[in-house]
Amino acid sequence: MTRTVLESKSKTVVIGFDEPFCVIGERINPTGRKKLAAELEMGDFSTVERDALEQVACGAGVLDINSGAVFSNKMAEDPRYADNNFVEPPLMRDLIAKVQAVVDVPLCIDSSVPAALEAGLAVAEGRPLVNSVTGEEERLELVLPLVKKYNVPVVAISNDDTGISEDPDVRFAVAKKIVERAADFGIPAHDIVVDPLVMPVGAMATAGRQVFTLVHRLRTELGVNTTCGASNVSFGLPNRHGINGAFLPMAIGAGMTSAIMNPVRNQEMEAIRAANLLMNHDPNGMEWIKLSKTLDAMREAGQSFAEASAAAVTSGGGRRGGRRRTRG
């Protein structure tokens, strides 16, 4: 069975066909978050630290760290700040240092700038996931040598220089190409996590069925693990949490093994834990029981899901920086 192994300083998370669904927390990302970008520009990492703690408390096994910030004020003073190649590498190092100081989970190093990926790989403890490589030959030649050098797994996104195809067969062919090119660099298929690209169902009525079929093919024909930006499927529609909460268990049933998502959303995390139970990926139902206790505590105390999750971790003896190795 395919197993993609991620590590932090003292914890191991396995993405795999017979493993619990891996939730990769998406919130440490300044793209589209003007307040967070402004804080980072001032050297303020308090929101980053809070987001790291909250996402882990809510059930994220891995945290995505994205350095794609725009520093508008500094750009006006120094034109170098208009260049992501100048901004992102030092910011990625700082983000990873801050996150590793408050939580001990594997990281997903997320940037379109190869120098930022390498800066993150140089300081990340354990074995992080690289996000990402696409099917463009230039991108393959830049990213795959880094993946091989640091012996880490990589997210492979199913688009190339022709863009994102609406044809699922084309997206499968791009994924196959990336897996084959990775093999040329000595990178095994079990270290490739394919993102088949979830389309918004509001724009393409068949988007859900497409991705379920694609995930099944990726699992059976290429033998790779899969991930996605889970909220893409509901983009532009009302009651997005309801759609996401239905989509995730269906994707899990089709064979999807991870997703980059917001774990603070109670409805979606509840759906994932129910799917883990139904897929027999929750031994003795312990995670489902723990979630039920957290939700009961939340209702009784009038807390948010994140607050109740954090309280459950504290009362259960959880602590930051623990040394026990766990599987996520």
C-alpha atoms as a PDB file:
ATOM      1  CA  MET A   1       0.000   0.000   0.000  1.00  0.00           C
ATOM      2  CA  THR A   2       1.192   3.512  -0.829  1.00  0.00           C
ATOM      3  CA  ARG A   3       2.423   5.418   2.227  1.00  0.00           C
ATOM      4  CA  THR A   4       3.665   9.014   2.089  1.00  0.00           C
ATOM      5  CA  VAL A   5       5.599   9.678   5.285  1.00  0.00           C
ATOM      6  CA  LEU A   6       5.822  13.201   6.731  1.00  0.00           C
ATOM      7  CA  GLU A   7       7.714  14.083   9.900  1.00  0.00           C
ATOM      8  CA  SER A   8       8.192  16.965  12.302  1.00  0.00           C
ATOM      9  CA  LYS A   9      10.791  17.038  15.052  1.00  0.00           C
ATOM     10  CA  SER A  10       9.142  14.197  16.941  1.00  0.00           C
ATOM     11  CA  LYS A  11       5.897  13.243  15.172  1.00  0.00           C
ATOM     12  CA  THR A  12       5.162  11.149  12.101  1.00  0.00           C
ATOM     13  CA  VAL A  13       2.076  11.524   9.909  1.00  0.00           C
ATOM     14  CA  VAL A  14       1.364   8.940   7.223  1.00  0.00           C
ATOM     15  CA  ILE A  15      -0.813   9.746   4.226  1.00  0.00           C
ATOM     16  CA  GLY A  16      -2.050   6.440   2.887  1.00  0.00           C
ATOM     17  CA  PHE A  17      -4.887   4.375   1.506  1.00  0.00           C
ATOM     18  CA  ASP A  18      -5.479   2.621   4.830  1.00  0.00           C
ATOM     19  CA  GLU A  19      -4.742   5.639   7.044  1.00  0.00           C
ATOM     20  CA  PRO A  20      -7.079   8.238   8.558  1.00  0.00           C
ATOM     21  CA  PHE A  21      -7.737  11.140   6.194  1.00  0.00           C
ATOM     22  CA  CYS A  22      -4.937  13.705   6.520  1.00  0.00           C
ATOM     23  CA  VAL A  23      -6.100  17.277   7.151  1.00  0.00           C
ATOM     24  CA  ILE A  24      -3.545  19.883   6.016  1.00  0.00           C
ATOM     25  CA  GLY A  25      -4.381  23.217   7.648  1.00  0.00           C
ATOM     26  CA  GLU A  26      -4.510  26.046   5.100  1.00  0.00           C
ATOM     27  CA  ARG A  27      -4.759  29.208   7.193  1.00  0.00           C
ATOM     28  CA  ILE A  28      -1.102  30.295   7.369  1.00  0.00           C
ATOM     29  CA  ASN A  29      -1.349  31.984   4.010  1.00  0.00           C
ATOM     30  CA  PRO A  30      -1.241  35.779   3.484  1.00  0.00           C
ATOM     31  CA  THR A  31      -2.710  35.504  -0.026  1.00  0.00           C
ATOM     32  CA  GLY A  32      -6.061  37.263   0.136  1.00  0.00           C
ATOM     33  CA  ARG A  33      -5.604  38.052   3.852  1.00  0.00           C
ATOM     34  CA  LYS A  34      -4.647  41.739   3.839  1.00  0.00           C
ATOM     35  CA  LYS A  35      -4.564  41.991   7.631  1.00  0.00           C
ATOM     36  CA  LEU A  36      -2.174  39.056   7.933  1.00  0.00           C
ATOM     37  CA  ALA A  37       0.055  40.410   5.145  1.00  0.00           C
ATOM     38  CA  ALA A  38       0.194  43.795   6.895  1.00  0.00           C
ATOM     39  CA  GLU A  39       1.158  42.134  10.183  1.00  0.00           C
ATOM     40  CA  LEU A  40       3.913  40.138   8.511  1.00  0.00           C
ATOM     41  CA  GLU A  41       5.222  43.285   6.853  1.00  0.00           C
ATOM     42  CA  MET A  42       5.641  44.757  10.346  1.00  0.00           C
ATOM     43  CA  GLY A  43       7.313  41.601  11.653  1.00  0.00           C
ATOM     44  CA  ASP A  44       4.252  40.638  13.712  1.00  0.00           C
ATOM     45  CA  PHE A  45       3.721  36.847  13.749  1.00  0.00           C
ATOM     46  CA  SER A  46       1.056  36.719  16.468  1.00  0.00           C
ATOM     47  CA  THR A  47      -1.745  35.719  14.072  1.00  0.00           C
ATOM     48  CA  VAL A  48       0.484  33.047  12.540  1.00  0.00           C
ATOM     49  CA  GLU A  49       1.182  31.561  15.971  1.00  0.00           C
ATOM     50  CA  ARG A  50      -2.497  31.699  16.930  1.00  0.00           C
ATOM     51  CA  ASP A  51      -3.563  30.094  13.642  1.00  0.00           C
ATOM     52  CA  ALA A  52      -0.996  27.325  14.093  1.00  0.00           C
ATOM     53  CA  LEU A  53      -2.216  26.476  17.593  1.00  0.00           C
ATOM     54  CA  GLU A  54      -5.896  26.698  16.646  1.00  0.00           C
ATOM     55  CA  GLN A  55      -5.608  24.495  13.559  1.00  0.00           C
ATOM     56  CA  VAL A  56      -3.730  21.761  15.419  1.00  0.00           C
ATOM     57  CA  ALA A  57      -6.242  21.920  18.282  1.00  0.00           C
ATOM     58  CA  CYS A  58      -9.055  21.420  15.752  1.00  0.00           C
ATOM     59  CA  GLY A  59      -7.465  18.348  14.183  1.00  0.00           C
ATOM     60  CA  ALA A  60      -4.950  19.391  11.511  1.00  0.00           C
ATOM     61  CA  GLY A  61      -2.195  16.792  11.246  1.00  0.00           C
ATOM     62  CA  VAL A  62      -0.060  18.945   8.926  1.00  0.00           C
ATOM     63  CA  LEU A  63       0.189  22.734   8.499  1.00  0.00           C
ATOM     64  CA  ASP A  64       0.604  24.435   5.131  1.00  0.00           C
ATOM     65  CA  ILE A  65       2.998  27.416   5.293  1.00  0.00           C
ATOM     66  CA  ASN A  66       2.566  29.867   2.409  1.00  0.00           C
ATOM     67  CA  SER A  67       4.914  32.854   2.038  1.00  0.00           C
ATOM     68  CA  GLY A  68       3.114  34.645  -0.803  1.00  0.00           C
ATOM     69  CA  ALA A  69       2.844  38.041   0.890  1.00  0.00           C
ATOM     70  CA  VAL A  70       2.746  41.459  -0.785  1.00  0.00           C
ATOM     71  CA  PHE A  71       4.534  44.115   1.260  1.00  0.00           C
ATOM     72  CA  SER A  72       2.993  47.261  -0.227  1.00  0.00           C
ATOM     73  CA  ASN A  73       4.606  49.813   2.101  1.00  0.00           C
ATOM     74  CA  LYS A  74       8.090  48.350   1.786  1.00  0.00           C
ATOM     75  CA  MET A  75       7.605  48.093  -1.967  1.00  0.00           C
ATOM     76  CA  ALA A  76       7.073  51.873  -2.143  1.00  0.00           C
ATOM     77  CA  GLU A  77      10.352  52.412  -0.288  1.00  0.00           C
ATOM     78  CA  ASP A  78      12.440  49.720  -1.955  1.00  0.00           C
ATOM     79  CA  PRO A  79      11.607  48.301  -5.408  1.00  0.00           C
ATOM     80  CA  ARG A  80      13.178  44.962  -4.510  1.00  0.00           C
ATOM     81  CA  TYR A  81      10.058  44.185  -2.458  1.00  0.00           C
ATOM     82  CA  ALA A  82       8.081  43.945  -5.699  1.00  0.00           C
ATOM     83  CA  ASP A  83      10.001  40.746  -6.458  1.00  0.00           C
ATOM     84  CA  ASN A  84       8.701  37.558  -4.809  1.00  0.00           C
ATOM     85  CA  ASN A  85      12.176  36.073  -5.185  1.00  0.00           C
ATOM     86  CA  PHE A  86      13.395  38.757  -2.777  1.00  0.00           C
ATOM     87  CA  VAL A  87      10.456  38.696  -0.335  1.00  0.00           C
ATOM     88  CA  GLU A  88       9.557  35.041   0.036  1.00  0.00           C
ATOM     89  CA  PRO A  89      12.765  33.163   0.983  1.00  0.00           C
ATOM     90  CA  PRO A  90      13.455  35.099   4.235  1.00  0.00           C
ATOM     91  CA  LEU A  91       9.747  35.250   5.052  1.00  0.00           C
ATOM     92  CA  MET A  92       9.421  31.476   4.616  1.00  0.00           C
ATOM     93  CA  ARG A  93      12.307  30.901   7.026  1.00  0.00           C
ATOM     94  CA  ASP A  94      10.714  33.207   9.603  1.00  0.00           C
ATOM     95  CA  LEU A  95       7.257  31.635   9.240  1.00  0.00           C
ATOM     96  CA  ILE A  96       8.603  28.131   9.716  1.00  0.00           C
ATOM     97  CA  ALA A  97      10.669  29.150  12.728  1.00  0.00           C
ATOM     98  CA  LYS A  98       7.643  30.765  14.403  1.00  0.00           C
ATOM     99  CA  VAL A  99       5.337  27.828  13.684  1.00  0.00           C
ATOM    100  CA  GLN A 100       7.846  25.192  14.821  1.00  0.00           C
ATOM    101  CA  ALA A 101       8.281  27.107  18.088  1.00  0.00           C
ATOM    102  CA  VAL A 102       4.603  26.680  19.039  1.00  0.00           C
ATOM    103  CA  VAL A 103       3.479  23.363  17.485  1.00  0.00           C
ATOM    104  CA  ASP A 104       5.112  20.056  16.636  1.00  0.00           C
ATOM    105  CA  VAL A 105       3.438  18.758  13.481  1.00  0.00           C
ATOM    106  CA  PRO A 106       4.827  18.172   9.978  1.00  0.00           C
ATOM    107  CA  LEU A 107       4.758  21.135   7.619  1.00  0.00           C
ATOM    108  CA  CYS A 108       3.775  21.656   3.992  1.00  0.00           C
ATOM    109  CA  ILE A 109       6.108  24.256   2.455  1.00  0.00           C
ATOM    110  CA  ASP A 110       4.003  26.206  -0.032  1.00  0.00           C
ATOM    111  CA  SER A 111       5.410  28.646  -2.593  1.00  0.00           C
ATOM    112  CA  SER A 112       5.700  29.225  -6.322  1.00  0.00           C
ATOM    113  CA  VAL A 113       9.249  30.516  -5.727  1.00  0.00           C
ATOM    114  CA  PRO A 114      11.859  27.726  -5.802  1.00  0.00           C
ATOM    115  CA  ALA A 115      14.251  29.771  -3.622  1.00  0.00           C
ATOM    116  CA  ALA A 116      11.511  30.026  -0.974  1.00  0.00           C
ATOM    117  CA  LEU A 117      10.944  26.270  -1.135  1.00  0.00           C
ATOM    118  CA  GLU A 118      14.651  25.649  -0.581  1.00  0.00           C
ATOM    119  CA  ALA A 119      14.811  28.235   2.221  1.00  0.00           C
ATOM    120  CA  GLY A 120      11.981  26.396   3.945  1.00  0.00           C
ATOM    121  CA  LEU A 121      13.500  22.976   3.372  1.00  0.00           C
ATOM    122  CA  ALA A 122      16.758  24.162   4.913  1.00  0.00           C
ATOM    123  CA  VAL A 123      15.122  25.072   8.248  1.00  0.00           C
ATOM    124  CA  ALA A 124      12.175  22.670   8.490  1.00  0.00           C
ATOM    125  CA  GLU A 125      12.589  19.928  11.070  1.00  0.00           C
ATOM    126  CA  GLY A 126      11.828  16.374  10.016  1.00  0.00           C
ATOM    127  CA  ARG A 127      10.397  15.564   6.588  1.00  0.00           C
ATOM    128  CA  PRO A 128       8.017  18.225   5.229  1.00  0.00           C
ATOM    129  CA  LEU A 129       5.804  18.120   2.153  1.00  0.00           C
ATOM    130  CA  VAL A 130       6.673  20.464  -0.738  1.00  0.00           C
ATOM    131  CA  ASN A 131       3.765  22.320  -2.326  1.00  0.00           C
ATOM    132  CA  SER A 132       4.108  22.140  -5.272  1.00  0.00           C
ATOM    133  CA  VAL A 133       5.204  21.083  -8.757  1.00  0.00           C
ATOM    134  CA  THR A 134       3.172  21.345 -11.952  1.00  0.00           C
ATOM    135  CA  GLY A 135       3.560  19.724 -15.359  1.00  0.00           C
ATOM    136  CA  GLU A 136       5.479  22.553 -17.047  1.00  0.00           C
ATOM    137  CA  GLU A 137       8.923  21.286 -17.986  1.00  0.00           C
ATOM    138  CA  GLU A 138      10.622  24.389 -16.581  1.00  0.00           C
ATOM    139  CA  ARG A 139       8.881  23.895 -13.236  1.00  0.00           C
ATOM    140  CA  LEU A 140       9.753  20.197 -13.164  1.00  0.00           C
ATOM    141  CA  GLU A 141      13.434  21.001 -13.746  1.00  0.00           C
ATOM    142  CA  LEU A 142      13.432  23.562 -10.917  1.00  0.00           C
ATOM    143  CA  VAL A 143      11.450  21.744  -8.224  1.00  0.00           C
ATOM    144  CA  LEU A 144      12.175  18.026  -8.658  1.00  0.00           C
ATOM    145  CA  PRO A 145      15.934  18.396  -7.977  1.00  0.00           C
ATOM    146  CA  LEU A 146      15.047  20.078  -4.646  1.00  0.00           C
ATOM    147  CA  VAL A 147      12.651  17.243  -3.807  1.00  0.00           C
ATOM    148  CA  LYS A 148      15.384  14.702  -4.525  1.00  0.00           C
ATOM    149  CA  LYS A 149      18.105  16.676  -2.706  1.00  0.00           C
ATOM    150  CA  TYR A 150      16.100  16.878   0.532  1.00  0.00           C
ATOM    151  CA  ASN A 151      14.381  13.481   0.136  1.00  0.00           C
ATOM    152  CA  VAL A 152      10.892  14.877   0.709  1.00  0.00           C
ATOM    153  CA  PRO A 153       7.470  14.231  -0.834  1.00  0.00           C
ATOM    154  CA  VAL A 154       5.842  16.717  -3.203  1.00  0.00           C
ATOM    155  CA  VAL A 155       2.349  17.803  -4.237  1.00  0.00           C
ATOM    156  CA  ALA A 156       1.888  17.375  -8.003  1.00  0.00           C
ATOM    157  CA  ILE A 157      -0.747  19.679  -9.468  1.00  0.00           C
ATOM    158  CA  SER A 158      -2.454  18.422 -12.629  1.00  0.00           C
ATOM    159  CA  ASN A 159      -1.918  21.403 -14.903  1.00  0.00           C
ATOM    160  CA  ASP A 160       0.824  22.303 -17.356  1.00  0.00           C
ATOM    161  CA  ASP A 161       1.735  25.108 -19.741  1.00  0.00           C
ATOM    162  CA  THR A 162      -1.614  24.704 -21.502  1.00  0.00           C
ATOM    163  CA  GLY A 163      -3.404  25.656 -18.274  1.00  0.00           C
ATOM    164  CA  ILE A 164      -6.068  23.758 -16.329  1.00  0.00           C
ATOM    165  CA  SER A 165      -8.039  21.458 -18.583  1.00  0.00           C
ATOM    166  CA  GLU A 166     -11.738  20.798 -18.023  1.00  0.00           C
ATOM    167  CA  ASP A 167     -11.134  17.323 -19.459  1.00  0.00           C
ATOM    168  CA  PRO A 168     -10.354  14.885 -16.595  1.00  0.00           C
ATOM    169  CA  ASP A 169      -8.438  12.616 -18.980  1.00  0.00           C
ATOM    170  CA  VAL A 170      -6.038  15.470 -19.716  1.00  0.00           C
ATOM    171  CA  ARG A 171      -5.560  16.170 -16.004  1.00  0.00           C
ATOM    172  CA  PHE A 172      -4.819  12.465 -15.452  1.00  0.00           C
ATOM    173  CA  ALA A 173      -2.264  12.537 -18.265  1.00  0.00           C
ATOM    174  CA  VAL A 174      -0.503  15.528 -16.687  1.00  0.00           C
ATOM    175  CA  ALA A 175      -0.362  13.735 -13.328  1.00  0.00           C
ATOM    176  CA  LYS A 176       1.064  10.639 -15.023  1.00  0.00           C
ATOM    177  CA  LYS A 177       3.702  12.770 -16.734  1.00  0.00           C
ATOM    178  CA  ILE A 178       4.780  14.287 -13.392  1.00  0.00           C
ATOM    179  CA  VAL A 179       5.020  10.850 -11.762  1.00  0.00           C
ATOM    180  CA  GLU A 180       7.138   9.583 -14.671  1.00  0.00           C
ATOM    181  CA  ARG A 181       9.405  12.648 -14.676  1.00  0.00           C
ATOM    182  CA  ALA A 182       9.829  12.333 -10.914  1.00  0.00           C
ATOM    183  CA  ALA A 183      10.962   8.742 -11.427  1.00  0.00           C
ATOM    184  CA  ASP A 184      13.649  10.085 -13.780  1.00  0.00           C
ATOM    185  CA  PHE A 185      15.022  11.978 -10.772  1.00  0.00           C
ATOM    186  CA  GLY A 186      14.818   8.898  -8.526  1.00  0.00           C
ATOM    187  CA  ILE A 187      11.685  10.084  -6.703  1.00  0.00           C
ATOM    188  CA  PRO A 188       9.297   7.171  -6.002  1.00  0.00           C
ATOM    189  CA  ALA A 189       5.557   7.322  -6.665  1.00  0.00           C
ATOM    190  CA  HIS A 190       4.800   7.015  -2.952  1.00  0.00           C
ATOM    191  CA  ASP A 191       6.389  10.447  -2.477  1.00  0.00           C
ATOM    192  CA  ILE A 192       4.050  12.067  -5.025  1.00  0.00           C
ATOM    193  CA  VAL A 193       0.733  13.418  -3.702  1.00  0.00           C
ATOM    194  CA  VAL A 194      -1.391  14.377  -6.718  1.00  0.00           C
ATOM    195  CA  ASP A 195      -3.836  17.266  -6.680  1.00  0.00           C
ATOM    196  CA  PRO A 196      -6.280  16.430  -9.503  1.00  0.00           C
ATOM    197  CA  LEU A 197      -7.700  19.973  -9.300  1.00  0.00           C
ATOM    198  CA  VAL A 198     -11.223  20.283  -7.955  1.00  0.00           C
ATOM    199  CA  MET A 199     -13.363  22.542 -10.138  1.00  0.00           C
ATOM    200  CA  PRO A 200     -16.237  24.650  -8.720  1.00  0.00           C
ATOM    201  CA  VAL A 201     -19.458  22.689  -9.077  1.00  0.00           C
ATOM    202  CA  GLY A 202     -21.295  25.991  -9.529  1.00  0.00           C
ATOM    203  CA  ALA A 203     -19.413  26.523 -12.792  1.00  0.00           C
ATOM    204  CA  MET A 204     -19.218  22.888 -13.914  1.00  0.00           C
ATOM    205  CA  ALA A 205     -22.067  20.617 -12.869  1.00  0.00           C
ATOM    206  CA  THR A 206     -19.960  17.466 -13.359  1.00  0.00           C
ATOM    207  CA  ALA A 207     -17.032  18.724 -11.252  1.00  0.00           C
ATOM    208  CA  GLY A 208     -17.806  16.455  -8.302  1.00  0.00           C
ATOM    209  CA  ARG A 209     -18.165  13.299 -10.374  1.00  0.00           C
ATOM    210  CA  GLN A 210     -15.051  14.212 -12.332  1.00  0.00           C
ATOM    211  CA  VAL A 211     -12.830  14.407  -9.296  1.00  0.00           C
ATOM    212  CA  PHE A 212     -14.199  11.191  -7.780  1.00  0.00           C
ATOM    213  CA  THR A 213     -13.412   9.343 -11.020  1.00  0.00           C
ATOM    214  CA  LEU A 214      -9.978  10.955 -11.241  1.00  0.00           C
ATOM    215  CA  VAL A 215      -9.080  10.047  -7.665  1.00  0.00           C
ATOM    216  CA  HIS A 216     -10.041   6.431  -8.280  1.00  0.00           C
ATOM    217  CA  ARG A 217      -7.849   6.305 -11.423  1.00  0.00           C
ATOM    218  CA  LEU A 218      -4.913   7.959  -9.668  1.00  0.00           C
ATOM    219  CA  ARG A 219      -5.131   5.400  -6.893  1.00  0.00           C
ATOM    220  CA  THR A 220      -5.609   2.284  -9.011  1.00  0.00           C
ATOM    221  CA  GLU A 221      -3.532   3.133 -12.104  1.00  0.00           C
ATOM    222  CA  LEU A 222      -0.696   5.268 -10.676  1.00  0.00           C
ATOM    223  CA  GLY A 223      -0.745   4.117  -7.058  1.00  0.00           C
ATOM    224  CA  VAL A 224      -0.385   7.629  -5.659  1.00  0.00           C
ATOM    225  CA  ASN A 225      -1.911   9.507  -2.764  1.00  0.00           C
ATOM    226  CA  THR A 226      -4.103  12.506  -3.484  1.00  0.00           C
ATOM    227  CA  THR A 227      -4.996  15.906  -2.081  1.00  0.00           C
ATOM    228  CA  CYS A 228      -7.042  18.947  -3.079  1.00  0.00           C
ATOM    229  CA  GLY A 229      -8.083  22.434  -2.102  1.00  0.00           C
ATOM    230  CA  ALA A 230     -11.337  21.184  -0.613  1.00  0.00           C
ATOM    231  CA  SER A 231     -13.247  24.471  -0.603  1.00  0.00           C
ATOM    232  CA  ASN A 232     -12.810  24.978  -4.365  1.00  0.00           C
ATOM    233  CA  VAL A 233     -15.778  22.710  -5.044  1.00  0.00           C
ATOM    234  CA  SER A 234     -18.228  25.140  -3.388  1.00  0.00           C
ATOM    235  CA  PHE A 235     -16.772  28.410  -4.686  1.00  0.00           C
ATOM    236  CA  GLY A 236     -19.444  30.997  -5.484  1.00  0.00           C
ATOM    237  CA  LEU A 237     -22.318  29.041  -3.943  1.00  0.00           C
ATOM    238  CA  PRO A 238     -24.373  29.635  -0.772  1.00  0.00           C
ATOM    239  CA  ASN A 239     -24.013  27.392   2.286  1.00  0.00           C
ATOM    240  CA  ARG A 240     -20.495  26.386   1.279  1.00  0.00           C
ATOM    241  CA  HIS A 241     -19.876  24.420   4.494  1.00  0.00           C
ATOM    242  CA  GLY A 242     -22.816  22.152   3.679  1.00  0.00           C
ATOM    243  CA  ILE A 243     -21.421  21.398   0.217  1.00  0.00           C
ATOM    244  CA  ASN A 244     -17.887  20.880   1.548  1.00  0.00           C
ATOM    245  CA  GLY A 245     -19.211  18.642   4.311  1.00  0.00           C
ATOM    246  CA  ALA A 246     -20.855  16.391   1.703  1.00  0.00           C
ATOM    247  CA  PHE A 247     -17.970  16.525  -0.766  1.00  0.00           C
ATOM    248  CA  LEU A 248     -15.225  15.424   1.624  1.00  0.00           C
ATOM    249  CA  PRO A 249     -16.714  12.043   2.688  1.00  0.00           C
ATOM    250  CA  MET A 250     -17.586  11.301  -0.949  1.00  0.00           C
ATOM    251  CA  ALA A 251     -14.010  12.093  -1.983  1.00  0.00           C
ATOM    252  CA  ILE A 252     -12.710   9.895   0.833  1.00  0.00           C
ATOM    253  CA  GLY A 253     -14.966   7.075  -0.356  1.00  0.00           C
ATOM    254  CA  ALA A 254     -13.508   7.490  -3.858  1.00  0.00           C
ATOM    255  CA  GLY A 255      -9.988   7.145  -2.428  1.00  0.00           C
ATOM    256  CA  MET A 256      -8.769  10.665  -1.659  1.00  0.00           C
ATOM    257  CA  THR A 257      -6.291  10.587   1.212  1.00  0.00           C
ATOM    258  CA  SER A 258      -5.739  14.236   2.203  1.00  0.00           C
ATOM    259  CA  ALA A 259      -6.974  17.789   1.684  1.00  0.00           C
ATOM    260  CA  ILE A 260      -5.677  21.301   2.192  1.00  0.00           C
ATOM    261  CA  MET A 261      -8.517  22.953   4.099  1.00  0.00           C
ATOM    262  CA  ASN A 262      -9.593  25.003   7.087  1.00  0.00           C
ATOM    263  CA  PRO A 263      -9.826  22.614  10.078  1.00  0.00           C
ATOM    264  CA  VAL A 264     -11.536  25.242  12.252  1.00  0.00           C
ATOM    265  CA  ARG A 265     -14.786  24.547  10.402  1.00  0.00           C
ATOM    266  CA  ASN A 266     -16.714  22.204  12.668  1.00  0.00           C
ATOM    267  CA  GLN A 267     -19.144  20.852  10.041  1.00  0.00           C
ATOM    268  CA  GLU A 268     -16.382  19.724   7.702  1.00  0.00           C
ATOM    269  CA  MET A 269     -14.204  18.165  10.412  1.00  0.00           C
ATOM    270  CA  GLU A 270     -17.224  16.278  11.739  1.00  0.00           C
ATOM    271  CA  ALA A 271     -17.856  14.895   8.235  1.00  0.00           C
ATOM    272  CA  ILE A 272     -14.232  13.777   7.907  1.00  0.00           C
ATOM    273  CA  ARG A 273     -14.204  12.008  11.255  1.00  0.00           C
ATOM    274  CA  ALA A 274     -17.481  10.279  10.412  1.00  0.00           C
ATOM    275  CA  ALA A 275     -15.969   9.145   7.102  1.00  0.00           C
ATOM    276  CA  ASN A 276     -12.894   7.816   8.902  1.00  0.00           C
ATOM    277  CA  LEU A 277     -15.171   5.803  11.171  1.00  0.00           C
ATOM    278  CA  LEU A 278     -17.201   4.420   8.264  1.00  0.00           C
ATOM    279  CA  MET A 279     -14.053   3.554   6.273  1.00  0.00           C
ATOM    280  CA  ASN A 280     -12.654   1.669   9.310  1.00  0.00           C
ATOM    281  CA  HIS A 281      -9.798   4.176   9.583  1.00  0.00           C
ATOM    282  CA  ASP A 282     -10.718   5.069  13.181  1.00  0.00           C
ATOM    283  CA  PRO A 283      -9.803   2.088  15.402  1.00  0.00           C
ATOM    284  CA  ASN A 284     -12.525   1.452  17.973  1.00  0.00           C
ATOM    285  CA  GLY A 285     -14.117   4.787  17.046  1.00  0.00           C
ATOM    286  CA  MET A 286     -11.864   6.645  19.463  1.00  0.00           C
ATOM    287  CA  GLU A 287     -11.531   9.804  17.334  1.00  0.00           C
ATOM    288  CA  TRP A 288     -15.294   9.936  16.797  1.00  0.00           C
ATOM    289  CA  ILE A 289     -15.883   9.606  20.539  1.00  0.00           C
ATOM    290  CA  LYS A 290     -13.310  12.329  21.252  1.00  0.00           C
ATOM    291  CA  LEU A 291     -15.006  14.638  18.757  1.00  0.00           C
ATOM    292  CA  SER A 292     -18.405  13.985  20.356  1.00  0.00           C
ATOM    293  CA  LYS A 293     -17.017  14.934  23.754  1.00  0.00           C
ATOM    294  CA  THR A 294     -15.521  18.108  22.295  1.00  0.00           C
ATOM    295  CA  LEU A 295     -18.852  19.088  20.717  1.00  0.00           C
ATOM    296  CA  ASP A 296     -20.696  18.384  23.977  1.00  0.00           C
ATOM    297  CA  ALA A 297     -18.220  20.571  25.850  1.00  0.00           C
ATOM    298  CA  MET A 298     -18.626  23.285  23.216  1.00  0.00           C
ATOM    299  CA  ARG A 299     -22.392  23.362  23.600  1.00  0.00           C
ATOM    300  CA  GLU A 300     -22.257  23.358  27.394  1.00  0.00           C
ATOM    301  CA  ALA A 301     -19.686  26.137  27.614  1.00  0.00           C
ATOM    302  CA  GLY A 302     -20.960  28.229  24.708  1.00  0.00           C
ATOM    303  CA  GLN A 303     -17.548  27.967  23.083  1.00  0.00           C
ATOM    304  CA  SER A 304     -16.441  27.891  19.490  1.00  0.00           C
ATOM    305  CA  PHE A 305     -15.246  24.602  18.014  1.00  0.00           C
ATOM    306  CA  ALA A 306     -11.640  25.829  18.211  1.00  0.00           C
ATOM    307  CA  GLU A 307     -11.967  26.873  21.860  1.00  0.00           C
ATOM    308  CA  ALA A 308     -13.558  23.572  22.835  1.00  0.00           C
ATOM    309  CA  SER A 309     -10.923  21.600  20.895  1.00  0.00           C
ATOM    310  CA  ALA A 310      -8.134  23.473  22.644  1.00  0.00           C
ATOM    311  CA  ALA A 311      -9.776  22.855  26.015  1.00  0.00           C
ATOM    312  CA  ALA A 312     -10.096  19.144  25.249  1.00  0.00           C
ATOM    313  CA  VAL A 313      -6.414  18.960  24.342  1.00  0.00           C
ATOM    314  CA  THR A 314      -5.437  20.708  27.583  1.00  0.00           C
ATOM    315  CA  SER A 315      -7.680  18.569  29.803  1.00  0.00           C
ATOM    316  CA  GLY A 316      -6.397  15.444  28.068  1.00  0.00           C
ATOM    317  CA  GLY A 317      -2.831  16.205  29.034  1.00  0.00           C
ATOM    318  CA  GLY A 318      -1.778  17.469  25.615  1.00  0.00           C
ATOM    319  CA  ARG A 319       1.204  19.817  25.502  1.00  0.00           C
ATOM    320  CA  ARG A 320       3.312  21.525  22.948  1.00  0.00           C
ATOM    321  CA  GLY A 321       6.571  19.973  21.933  1.00  0.00           C
ATOM    322  CA  GLY A 322       5.746  16.454  23.150  1.00  0.00           C
ATOM    323  CA  ARG A 323       8.163  13.678  22.223  1.00  0.00           C
ATOM    324  CA  ARG A 324       5.734  10.842  21.600  1.00  0.00           C
ATOM    325  CA  ARG A 325       5.685   9.687  17.968  1.00  0.00           C
ATOM    326  CA  THR A 326       2.162   9.478  16.561  1.00  0.00           C
ATOM    327  CA  ARG A 327       0.567   8.571  13.298  1.00  0.00           C
ATOM    328  CA  GLY A 328      -1.904  11.086  11.864  1.00  0.00           C
END
